Structure formats: structure tokens, C-alpha cells
Amino acid sequence: MAANEDPLKRIVSHAKEYGYVFPSSEIYDGLSAAYDYGIYGVELKNNIKEYWWKTMVHGNENIVGLDSAIFMHPTTWKASGHVDAFNDPLIDNKDSKKRYRADVLLEDYMEKIRIQKIEKEVKKAAKRFGDDFDKETFLKTNPRVLQYTQKIVDISSRMGQLLEANDLNGIKALIEELGIVCPISGTSNWTDVRQFNLMFSTELGSTADGSSKIYLRPETCQGIFVNFLNVQKSGRMKVPFGVAQIGKAFRNEIIARQFIFRMREFEQMEMQYFVKPGTELEAYEEWKERRLKWHKNLGIDPSKYRVHDHIKLAHYANAACDIEYDFPMGFKELEGVHSRTDFDLKSHEDESGKKLQYFDPEENKSYTPYVIETSIGLDRMFLAVFSNSLVEETLEDGSSRVVMKLPAALAPVKCAVLPLLKKDGLPEMAKEIFNDLKLDFNMQYDEKDAIGKRYRRQDAIGTPFAITIDHDSLEHKTVTLRDRDTMKQARVSVSELKQILSEKTSMAELVKGAL
């Protein structure tokens, strides 16, 4: 990749060219912030879901699954606080006519300080001290870095206080004080800050007169809370226990951007863990570590993750953090871990008039459990895995190749079957092998073009293994098995293929490492 090439544009281009992600409704010039997952994208997405589900549900005896409806009784969102408080602070630039989230403008400003100031100082020091450079000590002791860090802390603290107080005039004043300008016009000619509710509304009913206003759910967790008793009683669950769910959510984001990172229609993988009051902070710390382990288990460089503890807590939380990932556009939230207290169950209890408590047989009393939430955006997880895997390599002969180094268990296609030639009985044997393996693995058969081109095509797709059938295969019943990452080839017996592929692409083995 050229030094000045936007890495996100490269990712978008590769995703479209190789059937991972397409712009939605592209023949009609597309729809902003809406995307379709293509022939390989849907497979990768399903494999990520399987990795999460098997780890979260099948890997824990006290966690069960649920699939709740997208449409819910409208009072649900009154109880959860979304009707009154699910807003974004918006500000417009009068010159460019562009609209921005005011808090995002401030966050981008702080990130700019970190990248342009702090990271610049770190790079200079690393170059000066070489192998003797201790980054952690430098960040804690260098006066200039400490000054920049304190500025970030001060801005973040002031922003949190202003948002907490819903002081929209104060937020605008802070933006102007810092000299933040519109990225398009370059001016600070801002409107006042206004609040904008993010829920999509629609009408339920066949006629206008007989219809009622309902909402597309902005999050999936409320379906778990309203089903708390149904799940607890039918599953005979004892506290602590969890309920996991994967599903679509919808938010009318004004600033939907950065490919599939922020969309109006997205998919969440959430787990709500019900615990005894007083034990929630211990459980919170445990789940923070467990979720970070799940991410790092994929073999991604650990330095690409960091944990950001919230300064401003949501109205329902007594502890919260984000697991952030170093996306092509910088560190951004990938997963949230929150201690939600008993806010949700008590709110639904108050609004519905139904008792939502757990009877503890050991203590012989009822109480409202506290909740630890882990919530990850599936689309963001897809982007993290995809962007980390896309690599351009220079080979020993001076040529280059583009390869998707996806974890084998997540790869859309596990193995390609490639006859060396389209004659002499090689295709017939190749198809026999393909048919023998296709029900155990997602396979692909390809006989078009020279074998080198076919290898490169599979590399770009991310297929971890390729089976090549040549003339020796007919006589000795052996084939060449090529490894995507190393490009090394080994001669193996046809009878051993199923076992080898099972071991090398096993989802179960990947999950074991995350538990």
C-alpha cells in the first residue's frame, strides 16, 4: 500500500471487489450508511457470530440464549429512558451546511492531540533512545507529554460535566473556546447545539386511524430484561446467570460514517449477566477480563486493543468501560462492558406493574438482581477482523500478493479444490474430493486460469488451504495441500484430508482458547 493511501478506502475497495461488503441499493446510487454483506461477507459474519455464541452460551453452563422481537410495546422504551433521554447533541456549521455530533467533535479534537502531540513526542524519543526507550515510563514522566495528557483529561472532564447537566450552551462555548473548526469549511461559524432523538418510529396497524406509534428497537438488551422471568423460570436458572442474544438494532444516526463502523441498521451481540446485589463490581471486573481474552484469542496484536474506563457514566451504570480497537481511523469502541445496577428491571417493574424479582432459595428472600452487560457490535467486529487480516506482502522473487490472513476458523471458505489441468481425469478426481468434503467444510472448486492465479485469488478471499490435484494424484491418491500464510506445500494422502482440515479449521479449538 502506498504511504499516502487511505487504508480505509483500500479496505472498502477490497471488500467490494472480493464479495465481502457491497453498498446497499448501489444500482440506485446507494443509500447512505447502509451496506449488504456479500457471498463471503455473510460467511465471515456468521462465523464471528458462531465464535461468540459458542464461547458465550455453549461455553458457560449458566448462560442461555434468546431471540426477542424487534418490535416491542412502546412503553418498553419509556421505561428504559430512550423516549426521554436517547439523544445526540447536534451542531451545524453555517458555512458548509454540515451537521455534526458536538461530543464527537470534542472527542476528535482530543484524539488529534493524542496523535499529533503525544505520539509525535513518543516517536521522537523512541528514535533518540533506540532499544533503551521505555514508552510507559516516558508517558508518565515527560513534562510535555504530561501537559498534553492533562489537557485531554481536562477537556474530557468538562465535556462529561456539561453533557451530564445537559448544558448545550456550555458545550458550544467549549467548542468555540478550543477553536474547533468544521473539517469541510474550515470555519467555526457554528449554530447552537440541539438534542436529537435517535429512535426510528413507525405505525403499527392497518389504517391511519387505528394505528399506534411504535419504535424499531435501538438496542437488543431490553428484550432480555422484559423476558427475565420467562427465561429464569423456564430454564430454572440460579443467580448468577446470563442471557445472550444476537440481533438487529436501529438508530437514526445523523453522523453515520466510516464504512460499516457506524450504520443506522446494525447487529449486536449482547449478554446480560444477572448477579446478587453487592457482587456486581467483582463480576464487572471478571467480565472485562474475559471479554478482552476473547478478542486477543484471535491472534491479533495485543497492542491494537486498549480499555477505556468511562468518565461520564450513563444514568443506569455504576461502572463502565469500552474495549477499544485500533481501526484504520484510530482507536474506537469495539465492545462495551457495563455494570447496569438494577435500573432496567426496576424500571420495567414500575411501568408494567409486574414483579421482576428473583427468589433466592439459599437466602429465602426475593431481590432485584443487578446486571453486568457485555455488548459488542457485530459489524464493528467484522471490520476489526477484516482490516487486521488484509495484508500486502512482498515475496522473495520481488513480486507482491494481497492476502486475507483470517483466522482459519473464521475464514468464509476453508479450502479450495484446484485441479492442475482441465483434462486427463484431474477434474473428475478433484470433484470427487470436493463432494466428499463439502458437507463438513465450506469448500470452493476452481479450475479456471493458471494455478498461480487461482492461488492468488484464494489468498485475496482469505481461504486458508488449497488442495491441488495433479497427475501423481491419480496414481498415488495423494494431493498437494497449500498453506495460505506460509505458501508452503505438503504432499498428503486423500484419506487424511478430512482429519487435517478438521484440526486446522476447528471452531471448537478456537473457542477453547477463549474460555
Protein backbone atom coordinates (compact mmCIF):
# COMPACT_ATOMS: atom_id res chain seq x y z
CA MET A 1 0.00 0.00 0.00
CA ALA A 2 1.32 3.43 -0.88
CA ALA A 3 2.29 5.58 2.09
CA ASN A 4 -0.32 8.22 1.27
CA GLU A 5 -3.16 5.79 0.53
CA ASP A 6 -6.16 5.91 2.85
CA PRO A 7 -6.23 2.46 4.50
CA LEU A 8 -10.00 2.57 4.95
CA LYS A 9 -10.55 3.21 1.23
CA ARG A 10 -8.36 0.21 0.46
CA ILE A 11 -10.43 -1.94 2.80
CA VAL A 12 -13.71 -0.74 1.26
CA SER A 13 -12.39 -1.47 -2.23
CA HIS A 14 -11.17 -4.97 -1.36
CA ALA A 15 -14.41 -5.76 0.47
CA LYS A 16 -16.46 -4.92 -2.61
CA GLU A 17 -14.18 -6.48 -5.22
CA TYR A 18 -13.98 -9.82 -3.42
CA GLY A 19 -17.60 -10.17 -2.38
CA TYR A 20 -17.47 -9.22 1.28
CA VAL A 21 -19.47 -5.98 1.53
CA PHE A 22 -21.49 -4.09 -1.12
CA PRO A 23 -23.08 -0.62 -0.90
CA SER A 24 -26.80 -1.16 -0.40
CA SER A 25 -29.05 -0.35 -3.37
CA GLU A 26 -25.99 0.53 -5.43
CA ILE A 27 -27.84 0.46 -8.77
CA TYR A 28 -29.89 3.38 -7.43
CA ASP A 29 -26.73 5.25 -6.35
CA GLY A 30 -26.81 3.61 -2.92
CA LEU A 31 -28.25 4.56 0.45
CA SER A 32 -26.11 6.42 2.96
CA ALA A 33 -24.70 4.26 5.78
CA ALA A 34 -26.37 1.06 4.55
CA TYR A 35 -24.43 -1.97 3.33
CA ASP A 36 -25.09 -5.53 2.17
CA TYR A 37 -22.88 -8.44 3.13
CA GLY A 38 -21.81 -10.39 0.04
CA ILE A 39 -21.09 -14.03 -0.66
CA TYR A 40 -18.00 -14.16 1.55
CA GLY A 41 -19.04 -11.40 3.93
CA VAL A 42 -22.11 -13.29 5.10
CA GLU A 43 -19.96 -16.36 5.80
CA LEU A 44 -17.40 -14.38 7.81
CA LYS A 45 -20.18 -12.64 9.70
CA ASN A 46 -21.87 -15.95 10.54
CA ASN A 47 -18.55 -17.43 11.68
CA ILE A 48 -17.92 -14.47 14.00
CA LYS A 49 -21.40 -14.97 15.43
CA GLU A 50 -20.69 -18.67 15.92
CA TYR A 51 -17.41 -17.90 17.70
CA TRP A 52 -19.21 -15.51 20.05
CA TRP A 53 -22.22 -17.80 20.62
CA LYS A 54 -20.21 -20.93 21.27
CA THR A 55 -17.94 -19.09 23.67
CA MET A 56 -20.70 -17.22 25.47
CA VAL A 57 -23.55 -19.74 25.52
CA HIS A 58 -22.15 -23.22 24.89
CA GLY A 59 -19.01 -22.48 26.90
CA ASN A 60 -20.91 -21.43 30.05
CA GLU A 61 -23.38 -23.65 31.87
CA ASN A 62 -25.15 -20.66 33.41
CA ILE A 63 -25.70 -18.63 30.20
CA VAL A 64 -28.59 -19.30 27.81
CA GLY A 65 -29.77 -17.76 24.56
CA LEU A 66 -32.75 -15.69 23.44
CA ASP A 67 -34.08 -14.18 20.21
CA SER A 68 -36.56 -11.41 21.02
CA ALA A 69 -38.72 -9.41 18.61
CA ILE A 70 -37.56 -6.18 17.00
CA PHE A 71 -40.97 -4.60 17.66
CA MET A 72 -41.76 -4.15 21.36
CA HIS A 73 -44.52 -2.47 23.33
CA PRO A 74 -43.80 1.29 23.18
CA THR A 75 -43.82 1.57 26.98
CA THR A 76 -40.65 -0.52 26.92
CA TRP A 77 -38.73 2.49 25.64
CA LYS A 78 -40.36 4.82 28.15
CA ALA A 79 -39.18 2.55 30.97
CA SER A 80 -35.67 2.24 29.54
CA GLY A 81 -35.27 6.01 29.25
CA HIS A 82 -34.95 6.05 25.46
CA VAL A 83 -38.05 8.18 24.85
CA ASP A 84 -36.82 10.98 27.08
CA ALA A 85 -33.06 10.66 27.04
CA PHE A 86 -31.84 8.82 23.93
CA ASN A 87 -30.47 11.91 22.23
CA ASP A 88 -27.38 13.15 20.48
CA PRO A 89 -26.19 16.77 20.84
CA LEU A 90 -26.04 18.13 17.28
CA ILE A 91 -24.38 21.25 15.91
CA ASP A 92 -24.36 22.66 12.36
CA ASN A 93 -21.70 24.63 10.57
CA LYS A 94 -23.43 27.56 8.86
CA ASP A 95 -20.89 27.75 6.04
CA SER A 96 -20.64 24.09 4.99
CA LYS A 97 -24.24 23.25 5.99
CA LYS A 98 -22.83 20.05 7.53
CA ARG A 99 -24.19 18.61 10.77
CA TYR A 100 -22.00 17.08 13.48
CA ARG A 101 -22.36 15.46 16.87
CA ALA A 102 -20.94 18.00 19.27
CA ASP A 103 -19.43 15.36 21.55
CA VAL A 104 -17.75 13.66 18.57
CA LEU A 105 -16.16 16.99 17.54
CA LEU A 106 -14.67 17.23 21.03
CA GLU A 107 -13.56 13.58 21.05
CA ASP A 108 -11.90 14.02 17.65
CA TYR A 109 -10.11 17.11 18.96
CA MET A 110 -8.76 15.11 21.92
CA GLU A 111 -7.70 12.27 19.65
CA LYS A 112 -5.92 14.81 17.44
CA ILE A 113 -3.91 15.97 20.47
CA ARG A 114 -3.00 12.37 21.24
CA ILE A 115 -1.89 11.57 17.69
CA GLN A 116 -0.29 14.87 16.67
CA LYS A 117 1.24 15.78 20.03
CA ILE A 118 1.73 12.80 22.33
CA GLU A 119 2.50 10.18 19.66
CA LYS A 120 4.84 12.62 17.96
CA GLU A 121 6.79 13.04 21.20
CA VAL A 122 6.87 9.26 21.67
CA LYS A 123 8.25 8.68 18.17
CA LYS A 124 10.93 11.32 18.63
CA ALA A 125 12.02 9.81 21.95
CA ALA A 126 11.96 6.25 20.59
CA LYS A 127 14.20 7.31 17.72
CA ARG A 128 16.57 9.12 20.10
CA PHE A 129 16.90 6.37 22.72
CA GLY A 130 16.56 3.29 20.47
CA ASP A 131 16.50 -0.03 22.36
CA ASP A 132 16.75 1.78 25.70
CA PHE A 133 13.43 3.53 25.20
CA ASP A 134 10.77 2.73 27.85
CA LYS A 135 7.47 4.04 26.49
CA GLU A 136 5.49 3.51 29.70
CA THR A 137 7.99 5.45 31.82
CA PHE A 138 8.25 8.18 29.17
CA LEU A 139 4.47 8.70 29.16
CA LYS A 140 4.46 9.06 32.94
CA THR A 141 7.45 11.39 33.31
CA ASN A 142 7.93 13.57 30.23
CA PRO A 143 6.73 17.12 31.09
CA ARG A 144 5.46 17.91 27.60
CA VAL A 145 3.52 14.63 27.36
CA LEU A 146 2.09 15.15 30.85
CA GLN A 147 0.93 18.61 29.78
CA TYR A 148 -0.86 17.25 26.71
CA THR A 149 -2.33 14.37 28.71
CA GLN A 150 -3.67 16.73 31.35
CA LYS A 151 -5.26 18.88 28.64
CA ILE A 152 -7.09 15.81 27.31
CA VAL A 153 -8.24 14.91 30.82
CA ASP A 154 -9.46 18.46 31.46
CA ILE A 155 -11.42 18.64 28.20
CA SER A 156 -12.92 15.19 28.76
CA SER A 157 -13.93 16.10 32.31
CA ARG A 158 -15.55 19.36 31.24
CA MET A 159 -17.36 17.67 28.38
CA GLY A 160 -18.67 14.98 30.73
CA GLN A 161 -19.94 17.53 33.21
CA LEU A 162 -21.64 19.59 30.51
CA LEU A 163 -23.30 16.54 28.95
CA GLU A 164 -24.40 15.32 32.38
CA ALA A 165 -26.01 18.70 33.07
CA ASN A 166 -27.42 18.87 29.52
CA ASP A 167 -25.74 22.28 29.24
CA LEU A 168 -25.93 22.70 25.47
CA ASN A 169 -24.77 26.31 25.54
CA GLY A 170 -21.74 25.25 27.57
CA ILE A 171 -20.88 22.56 25.04
CA LYS A 172 -20.97 25.12 22.21
CA ALA A 173 -18.84 27.51 24.27
CA LEU A 174 -16.25 24.76 24.85
CA ILE A 175 -16.08 24.00 21.11
CA GLU A 176 -15.54 27.69 20.36
CA GLU A 177 -13.01 28.10 23.19
CA LEU A 178 -10.89 25.27 21.76
CA GLY A 179 -11.07 26.76 18.27
CA ILE A 180 -12.59 23.64 16.73
CA VAL A 181 -13.47 24.21 13.09
CA CYS A 182 -15.59 22.39 10.54
CA PRO A 183 -13.45 19.89 8.58
CA ILE A 184 -15.21 20.96 5.37
CA SER A 185 -15.38 24.76 5.55
CA GLY A 186 -12.52 25.32 7.98
CA THR A 187 -14.64 27.85 9.89
CA SER A 188 -16.07 27.94 13.42
CA ASN A 189 -19.36 29.52 12.38
CA TRP A 190 -21.50 27.19 14.50
CA THR A 191 -25.20 27.07 15.27
CA ASP A 192 -26.48 26.38 18.78
CA VAL A 193 -26.31 22.77 19.97
CA ARG A 194 -29.63 20.87 19.90
CA GLN A 195 -30.74 17.45 21.07
CA PHE A 196 -31.97 14.89 18.53
CA ASN A 197 -33.71 11.61 19.45
CA LEU A 198 -32.15 8.63 17.70
CA MET A 199 -35.07 6.18 17.62
CA PHE A 200 -36.84 5.28 14.40
CA SER A 201 -40.62 5.38 14.80
CA THR A 202 -43.27 3.70 12.70
CA GLU A 203 -47.01 2.92 12.84
CA LEU A 204 -48.45 -0.42 13.94
CA GLY A 205 -51.87 -1.05 12.41
CA SER A 206 -53.57 -1.34 9.04
CA THR A 207 -55.16 2.10 8.93
CA ALA A 208 -54.01 5.55 9.95
CA ASP A 209 -56.91 5.98 12.38
CA GLY A 210 -56.41 2.62 14.02
CA SER A 211 -52.61 2.65 14.18
CA SER A 212 -50.33 3.31 17.13
CA LYS A 213 -46.80 4.67 17.26
CA ILE A 214 -44.06 2.13 17.98
CA TYR A 215 -40.27 2.11 17.58
CA LEU A 216 -37.66 -0.01 15.91
CA ARG A 217 -35.53 -1.17 18.83
CA PRO A 218 -32.38 0.95 19.31
CA GLU A 219 -30.72 -1.87 21.31
CA THR A 220 -31.34 -5.57 21.85
CA CYS A 221 -30.94 -5.79 25.63
CA GLN A 222 -34.46 -4.65 26.54
CA GLY A 223 -35.84 -7.84 25.00
CA ILE A 224 -33.77 -9.72 27.58
CA PHE A 225 -34.98 -7.62 30.52
CA VAL A 226 -38.70 -7.97 29.74
CA ASN A 227 -38.17 -11.74 29.41
CA PHE A 228 -36.22 -12.03 32.67
CA LEU A 229 -38.84 -14.13 34.47
CA ASN A 230 -39.70 -16.21 31.39
CA VAL A 231 -36.07 -17.25 30.96
CA GLN A 232 -35.34 -17.68 34.67
CA LYS A 233 -38.35 -19.93 35.31
CA SER A 234 -38.30 -21.97 32.09
CA GLY A 235 -34.56 -22.55 32.36
CA ARG A 236 -34.61 -23.00 36.16
CA MET A 237 -31.74 -20.53 36.28
CA LYS A 238 -30.00 -19.62 39.51
CA VAL A 239 -28.26 -16.28 40.11
CA PRO A 240 -25.69 -15.60 38.78
CA PHE A 241 -26.85 -16.41 35.27
CA GLY A 242 -26.70 -14.77 31.85
CA VAL A 243 -28.92 -14.35 28.80
CA ALA A 244 -27.25 -13.87 25.41
CA GLN A 245 -28.75 -12.53 22.21
CA ILE A 246 -27.68 -11.63 18.67
CA GLY A 247 -29.96 -9.31 16.72
CA LYS A 248 -30.56 -6.20 14.66
CA ALA A 249 -30.90 -2.74 16.18
CA PHE A 250 -31.67 0.62 14.57
CA ARG A 251 -30.53 4.15 15.34
CA ASN A 252 -31.23 7.28 13.34
CA GLU A 253 -27.59 8.38 13.42
CA ILE A 254 -27.06 11.82 11.95
CA ILE A 255 -23.34 11.17 11.62
CA ALA A 256 -23.23 7.71 10.08
CA ARG A 257 -19.77 7.25 8.60
CA GLN A 258 -16.55 5.25 8.31
CA PHE A 259 -17.88 2.33 6.26
CA ILE A 260 -19.64 -0.29 8.41
CA PHE A 261 -18.30 1.18 11.67
CA ARG A 262 -21.36 3.36 12.25
CA MET A 263 -24.61 2.49 10.49
CA ARG A 264 -28.29 3.11 11.05
CA GLU A 265 -29.07 -0.61 10.84
CA PHE A 266 -26.58 -2.79 12.67
CA GLU A 267 -26.27 -6.04 14.56
CA GLN A 268 -25.39 -6.51 18.22
CA MET A 269 -24.10 -9.46 20.24
CA GLU A 270 -25.12 -8.82 23.83
CA MET A 271 -25.14 -10.72 27.10
CA GLN A 272 -26.87 -9.60 30.28
CA TYR A 273 -25.49 -11.28 33.41
CA PHE A 274 -27.75 -11.18 36.47
CA VAL A 275 -25.95 -11.14 39.81
CA LYS A 276 -26.68 -10.70 43.50
CA PRO A 277 -26.57 -7.03 44.60
CA GLY A 278 -23.22 -6.22 46.15
CA THR A 279 -21.30 -8.61 43.87
CA GLU A 280 -21.72 -6.59 40.69
CA LEU A 281 -18.35 -4.81 40.67
CA GLU A 282 -16.47 -8.07 41.14
CA ALA A 283 -18.46 -9.59 38.27
CA TYR A 284 -17.83 -6.46 36.19
CA GLU A 285 -14.06 -6.83 36.55
CA GLU A 286 -14.29 -10.54 35.72
CA TRP A 287 -16.26 -9.94 32.52
CA LYS A 288 -13.96 -7.12 31.47
CA GLU A 289 -11.03 -9.58 31.55
CA ARG A 290 -12.99 -12.41 29.92
CA ARG A 291 -14.11 -10.27 27.01
CA LEU A 292 -10.61 -8.93 26.42
CA LYS A 293 -9.32 -12.52 26.41
CA TRP A 294 -11.95 -13.44 23.78
CA HIS A 295 -10.67 -10.71 21.46
CA LYS A 296 -6.97 -11.42 21.94
CA ASN A 297 -7.59 -15.14 21.37
CA LEU A 298 -7.92 -14.40 17.65
CA GLY A 299 -4.18 -13.80 17.46
CA ILE A 300 -4.44 -10.08 16.74
CA ASP A 301 -1.57 -7.94 18.05
CA PRO A 302 -2.50 -7.12 21.70
CA SER A 303 -1.27 -3.54 21.23
CA LYS A 304 -4.29 -2.96 18.96
CA TYR A 305 -6.58 -3.18 21.98
CA ARG A 306 -6.95 -0.86 24.92
CA VAL A 307 -9.51 -0.46 27.70
CA HIS A 308 -11.07 2.96 28.20
CA ASP A 309 -12.86 3.47 31.53
CA HIS A 310 -15.80 5.85 31.26
CA ILE A 311 -15.52 9.21 32.97
CA LYS A 312 -19.17 10.08 32.35
CA LEU A 313 -21.38 7.14 33.33
CA ALA A 314 -24.80 6.50 31.83
CA HIS A 315 -27.74 7.10 34.15
CA TYR A 316 -28.14 3.35 34.77
CA ALA A 317 -24.46 2.43 35.42
CA ASN A 318 -22.10 2.38 38.39
CA ALA A 319 -19.11 1.22 36.31
CA ALA A 320 -18.43 1.08 32.57
CA CYS A 321 -15.62 0.70 30.07
CA ASP A 322 -15.03 0.31 26.36
CA ILE A 323 -12.73 -2.23 24.79
CA GLU A 324 -11.28 -0.10 22.01
CA TYR A 325 -9.61 -1.36 18.84
CA ASP A 326 -7.09 0.43 16.65
CA PHE A 327 -9.20 0.65 13.48
CA PRO A 328 -7.78 2.25 10.31
CA MET A 329 -9.25 5.53 11.57
CA GLY A 330 -7.75 5.19 15.07
CA PHE A 331 -8.81 3.72 18.39
CA LYS A 332 -12.60 3.39 18.55
CA GLU A 333 -15.10 1.50 20.69
CA LEU A 334 -15.46 -2.17 19.77
CA GLU A 335 -17.24 -3.56 22.82
CA GLY A 336 -18.77 -2.12 25.96
CA VAL A 337 -18.83 -3.71 29.39
CA HIS A 338 -21.25 -2.05 31.83
CA SER A 339 -22.49 -2.56 35.36
CA ARG A 340 -26.12 -1.51 34.85
CA THR A 341 -27.19 -1.91 38.53
CA ASP A 342 -30.89 -2.83 38.94
CA PHE A 343 -32.11 0.10 36.85
CA ASP A 344 -33.66 -1.86 33.98
CA LEU A 345 -35.59 -4.49 35.93
CA LYS A 346 -36.91 -1.91 38.40
CA SER A 347 -37.93 0.48 35.63
CA HIS A 348 -39.87 -2.24 33.82
CA GLU A 349 -41.37 -3.33 37.13
CA ASP A 350 -42.59 0.22 37.81
CA GLU A 351 -44.04 0.73 34.32
CA SER A 352 -45.63 -2.72 33.93
CA GLY A 353 -46.80 -3.28 37.48
CA LYS A 354 -45.32 -6.81 37.27
CA LYS A 355 -42.88 -8.06 39.89
CA LEU A 356 -39.48 -8.73 38.29
CA GLN A 357 -37.51 -10.24 41.15
CA TYR A 358 -35.55 -13.38 41.85
CA PHE A 359 -36.32 -15.63 44.81
CA ASP A 360 -33.04 -16.81 46.29
CA PRO A 361 -33.65 -20.21 47.92
CA GLU A 362 -30.35 -20.06 49.80
CA GLU A 363 -31.25 -16.77 51.50
CA ASN A 364 -35.00 -17.43 51.47
CA LYS A 365 -35.81 -13.97 50.15
CA SER A 366 -36.54 -12.13 46.92
CA TYR A 367 -34.46 -9.32 45.43
CA THR A 368 -33.94 -7.46 42.18
CA PRO A 369 -30.69 -8.71 40.58
CA TYR A 370 -28.02 -6.33 39.36
CA VAL A 371 -26.86 -6.66 35.77
CA ILE A 372 -23.47 -6.81 34.05
CA GLU A 373 -23.74 -6.19 30.32
CA THR A 374 -21.29 -7.10 27.57
CA SER A 375 -22.28 -5.58 24.24
CA ILE A 376 -20.31 -5.85 21.01
CA GLY A 377 -21.19 -4.50 17.58
CA LEU A 378 -21.03 -7.40 15.13
CA ASP A 379 -20.38 -5.07 12.20
CA ARG A 380 -17.53 -3.40 14.08
CA MET A 381 -16.10 -6.80 14.97
CA PHE A 382 -16.31 -7.73 11.28
CA LEU A 383 -14.40 -4.55 10.37
CA ALA A 384 -11.75 -5.21 13.04
CA VAL A 385 -11.12 -8.78 11.84
CA PHE A 386 -11.24 -7.79 8.17
CA SER A 387 -8.91 -4.77 8.47
CA ASN A 388 -6.41 -6.68 10.60
CA SER A 389 -6.32 -9.58 8.13
CA LEU A 390 -5.84 -7.62 4.90
CA VAL A 391 -2.12 -7.66 4.14
CA GLU A 392 0.02 -6.82 1.11
CA GLU A 393 3.26 -8.80 1.05
CA THR A 394 6.43 -8.54 -0.99
CA LEU A 395 7.69 -12.02 -1.87
CA GLU A 396 11.26 -13.26 -2.22
CA ASP A 397 11.14 -13.00 -6.02
CA GLY A 398 10.16 -9.33 -5.79
CA SER A 399 6.51 -9.87 -6.68
CA SER A 400 3.69 -8.99 -4.32
CA ARG A 401 0.45 -10.54 -3.24
CA VAL A 402 -2.65 -9.35 -1.40
CA VAL A 403 -3.76 -11.87 1.20
CA MET A 404 -6.51 -12.03 3.80
CA LYS A 405 -4.88 -13.71 6.80
CA LEU A 406 -8.13 -14.52 8.54
CA PRO A 407 -8.14 -16.96 11.47
CA ALA A 408 -8.83 -20.31 9.80
CA ALA A 409 -11.93 -20.99 11.91
CA LEU A 410 -13.47 -17.66 10.80
CA ALA A 411 -12.49 -17.84 7.11
CA PRO A 412 -15.54 -17.90 4.77
CA VAL A 413 -14.07 -20.69 2.62
CA LYS A 414 -11.99 -23.25 4.47
CA CYS A 415 -10.37 -24.93 1.48
CA ALA A 416 -10.26 -24.69 -2.31
CA VAL A 417 -10.01 -27.71 -4.58
CA LEU A 418 -7.93 -27.00 -7.68
CA PRO A 419 -7.23 -29.49 -10.47
CA LEU A 420 -3.88 -28.62 -12.07
CA LEU A 421 -5.34 -29.08 -15.56
CA LYS A 422 -8.82 -29.36 -17.02
CA LYS A 423 -8.11 -32.75 -18.60
CA ASP A 424 -6.62 -36.22 -18.07
CA GLY A 425 -9.14 -37.10 -15.36
CA LEU A 426 -7.90 -34.43 -12.94
CA PRO A 427 -11.24 -32.52 -12.75
CA GLU A 428 -13.11 -35.75 -12.08
CA MET A 429 -10.88 -36.65 -9.13
CA ALA A 430 -10.99 -33.04 -7.87
CA LYS A 431 -14.78 -33.01 -7.89
CA GLU A 432 -14.87 -36.33 -6.07
CA ILE A 433 -12.70 -34.85 -3.30
CA PHE A 434 -14.78 -31.68 -3.28
CA ASN A 435 -18.05 -33.61 -2.91
CA ASP A 436 -16.57 -35.73 -0.13
CA LEU A 437 -15.60 -32.67 1.92
CA LYS A 438 -18.29 -30.09 1.15
CA LEU A 439 -20.72 -31.14 3.89
CA ASP A 440 -18.02 -30.88 6.57
CA PHE A 441 -16.38 -27.66 5.36
CA ASN A 442 -17.32 -24.68 3.23
CA MET A 443 -15.35 -25.59 0.10
CA GLN A 444 -14.76 -23.96 -3.26
CA TYR A 445 -13.97 -25.63 -6.59
CA ASP A 446 -12.00 -23.67 -9.19
CA GLU A 447 -10.47 -24.85 -12.47
CA LYS A 448 -10.28 -21.53 -14.34
CA ASP A 449 -6.90 -19.85 -15.12
CA ALA A 450 -3.36 -20.92 -14.34
CA ILE A 451 -2.75 -22.44 -10.93
CA GLY A 452 -0.77 -19.40 -9.76
CA LYS A 453 -3.69 -17.06 -10.48
CA ARG A 454 -6.04 -19.37 -8.66
CA TYR A 455 -3.77 -19.36 -5.60
CA ARG A 456 -3.72 -15.57 -5.62
CA ARG A 457 -7.50 -15.43 -5.93
CA GLN A 458 -7.91 -17.69 -2.90
CA ASP A 459 -5.32 -15.63 -0.99
CA ALA A 460 -7.36 -12.49 -1.62
CA ILE A 461 -10.53 -14.24 -0.47
CA GLY A 462 -8.79 -15.49 2.65
CA THR A 463 -9.04 -19.25 2.04
CA PRO A 464 -6.52 -20.83 4.45
CA PHE A 465 -5.87 -24.04 2.46
CA ALA A 466 -5.86 -25.23 -1.13
CA ILE A 467 -5.81 -28.78 -2.45
CA THR A 468 -4.13 -29.27 -5.83
CA ILE A 469 -4.75 -32.42 -7.84
CA ASP A 470 -2.04 -33.38 -10.35
CA HIS A 471 -1.12 -36.48 -12.36
CA ASP A 472 0.59 -38.11 -9.37
CA SER A 473 -2.69 -37.80 -7.50
CA LEU A 474 -4.34 -40.25 -9.91
CA GLU A 475 -1.69 -42.90 -9.33
CA HIS A 476 -0.77 -42.46 -5.65
CA LYS A 477 -4.01 -41.00 -4.21
CA THR A 478 -2.08 -38.05 -2.77
CA VAL A 479 -2.57 -34.32 -3.26
CA THR A 480 -0.68 -31.09 -2.56
CA LEU A 481 -2.02 -29.15 0.42
CA ARG A 482 -1.00 -25.47 0.31
CA ASP A 483 -0.97 -23.19 3.36
CA ARG A 484 -2.19 -19.65 2.66
CA ASP A 485 0.01 -17.82 5.16
CA THR A 486 3.33 -19.57 4.55
CA MET A 487 2.61 -20.68 0.93
CA LYS A 488 4.33 -23.96 1.83
CA GLN A 489 3.06 -27.11 0.17
CA ALA A 490 2.94 -30.63 1.60
CA ARG A 491 2.06 -33.93 -0.01
CA VAL A 492 -0.75 -35.67 1.90
CA SER A 493 -2.96 -38.68 1.36
CA VAL A 494 -6.51 -38.07 0.17
CA SER A 495 -7.75 -40.21 3.05
CA GLU A 496 -6.13 -37.79 5.56
CA LEU A 497 -7.69 -34.58 4.21
CA LYS A 498 -10.80 -34.56 6.39
CA GLN A 499 -8.84 -35.03 9.62
CA ILE A 500 -6.20 -32.44 8.69
CA LEU A 501 -8.77 -29.80 7.78
CA SER A 502 -10.82 -30.56 10.89
CA GLU A 503 -7.81 -29.92 13.11
CA LYS A 504 -6.63 -26.80 11.30
CA THR A 505 -10.01 -25.04 10.91
CA SER A 506 -11.69 -26.16 14.12
CA MET A 507 -14.08 -23.66 15.69
CA ALA A 508 -14.09 -25.75 18.86
CA GLU A 509 -10.33 -25.33 19.27
CA LEU A 510 -10.61 -21.58 18.76
CA VAL A 511 -13.38 -21.39 21.37
CA LYS A 512 -11.36 -23.41 23.90
CA GLY A 513 -8.67 -20.76 23.83
CA ALA A 514 -11.20 -18.06 24.70
CA LEU A 515 -12.68 -19.81 27.74
